[in-house]
Amino acid sequence: MTVRNAVSSADVAKTSGNPIPWANSSSGSAGVISSIEEDRSNGQICRRFTTTRHSYQGIAKFDGNTCLLGNGEWYLTSFGPRS
């Protein structure tokens, strides 16, 4: 949820390649979102992103996607380790 909130609240026009740090105080994880690409082609706003997650197990890279639903809420449609 922390990553989704950072991605959905980012001003994509202003971030333009600038990293966006995030931290989850309840899990102790933190990371940096390195890219966000917005797609509006199917009539819905979606954002694909890449982030790192720094945790006690080390640093890992993840890819994800979040979309804006009709009720105004962002929904994380995918999030998993980068292959």
Protein backbone atom coordinates (compact mmCIF):
# COMPACT_ATOMS: atom_id res chain seq x y z
CA MET A 1 0.00 0.00 0.00
CA THR A 2 2.89 2.39 0.75
CA VAL A 3 4.36 1.96 -2.74
CA ARG A 4 0.93 2.29 -4.37
CA ASN A 5 0.34 5.56 -2.52
CA ALA A 6 3.74 6.94 -3.58
CA VAL A 7 3.11 6.02 -7.23
CA SER A 8 -0.48 7.31 -7.33
CA SER A 9 0.34 10.64 -5.66
CA ALA A 10 3.40 11.38 -7.83
CA ASP A 11 3.18 14.23 -10.32
CA VAL A 12 4.37 12.26 -13.36
CA ALA A 13 5.04 15.43 -15.36
CA LYS A 14 7.42 16.72 -12.70
CA THR A 15 9.14 13.49 -11.61
CA SER A 16 10.50 12.76 -15.11
CA GLY A 17 13.21 10.31 -14.13
CA ASN A 18 13.76 11.69 -10.63
CA PRO A 19 13.74 8.94 -7.99
CA ILE A 20 10.92 8.91 -5.44
CA PRO A 21 11.84 7.49 -2.01
CA TRP A 22 9.28 5.62 0.09
CA ALA A 23 9.29 4.00 3.53
CA ASN A 24 6.91 1.69 5.38
CA SER A 25 7.29 2.27 9.10
CA SER A 26 5.25 -0.82 10.06
CA SER A 27 7.37 -3.31 8.07
CA GLY A 28 10.71 -1.50 8.21
CA SER A 29 11.02 -1.69 4.41
CA ALA A 30 12.00 1.28 2.27
CA GLY A 31 12.95 1.86 -1.33
CA VAL A 32 13.19 4.14 -4.30
CA ILE A 33 10.78 4.29 -7.24
CA SER A 34 13.03 4.72 -10.27
CA SER A 35 10.45 4.98 -13.04
CA ILE A 36 6.73 5.61 -13.54
CA GLU A 37 5.00 5.41 -16.91
CA GLU A 38 1.38 6.54 -17.19
CA ASP A 39 -0.92 4.87 -19.72
CA ARG A 40 -4.37 6.24 -20.62
CA SER A 41 -4.88 4.26 -23.83
CA ASN A 42 -7.71 1.98 -22.68
CA GLY A 43 -9.85 4.73 -21.14
CA GLN A 44 -8.42 4.07 -17.68
CA ILE A 45 -5.43 5.71 -16.01
CA CYS A 46 -2.76 3.17 -15.11
CA ARG A 47 0.83 3.61 -13.98
CA ARG A 48 3.59 1.04 -14.49
CA PHE A 49 6.53 1.45 -12.14
CA THR A 50 9.86 0.01 -11.03
CA THR A 51 11.04 0.22 -7.44
CA THR A 52 13.62 -1.18 -5.10
CA ARG A 53 12.77 -2.61 -1.70
CA HIS A 54 15.40 -2.41 1.01
CA SER A 55 14.61 -4.79 3.86
CA TYR A 56 16.38 -7.02 6.35
CA GLN A 57 16.74 -9.64 3.58
CA GLY A 58 18.65 -7.20 1.33
CA ILE A 59 17.79 -5.08 -1.71
CA ALA A 60 15.43 -6.37 -4.41
CA LYS A 61 13.93 -4.79 -7.55
CA PHE A 62 10.19 -4.99 -8.25
CA ASP A 63 7.87 -4.08 -11.12
CA GLY A 64 4.27 -3.11 -10.53
CA ASN A 65 1.15 -1.56 -11.98
CA THR A 66 -1.62 0.45 -10.37
CA CYS A 67 -4.85 1.73 -11.95
CA LEU A 68 -7.38 4.38 -11.00
CA LEU A 69 -10.82 2.87 -10.50
CA GLY A 70 -14.11 4.63 -11.22
CA ASN A 71 -14.65 5.29 -7.50
CA GLY A 72 -11.45 7.38 -7.35
CA GLU A 73 -9.38 4.72 -5.57
CA TRP A 74 -6.06 3.40 -6.92
CA TYR A 75 -5.82 -0.40 -7.13
CA LEU A 76 -2.51 -2.27 -7.27
CA THR A 77 -3.02 -4.69 -10.19
CA SER A 78 0.45 -6.26 -10.07
CA PHE A 79 3.57 -6.17 -7.91
CA GLY A 80 6.35 -8.69 -8.00
CA PRO A 81 10.08 -9.31 -8.22
CA ARG A 82 11.72 -8.16 -11.41
CA SER A 83 12.81 -11.06 -13.55
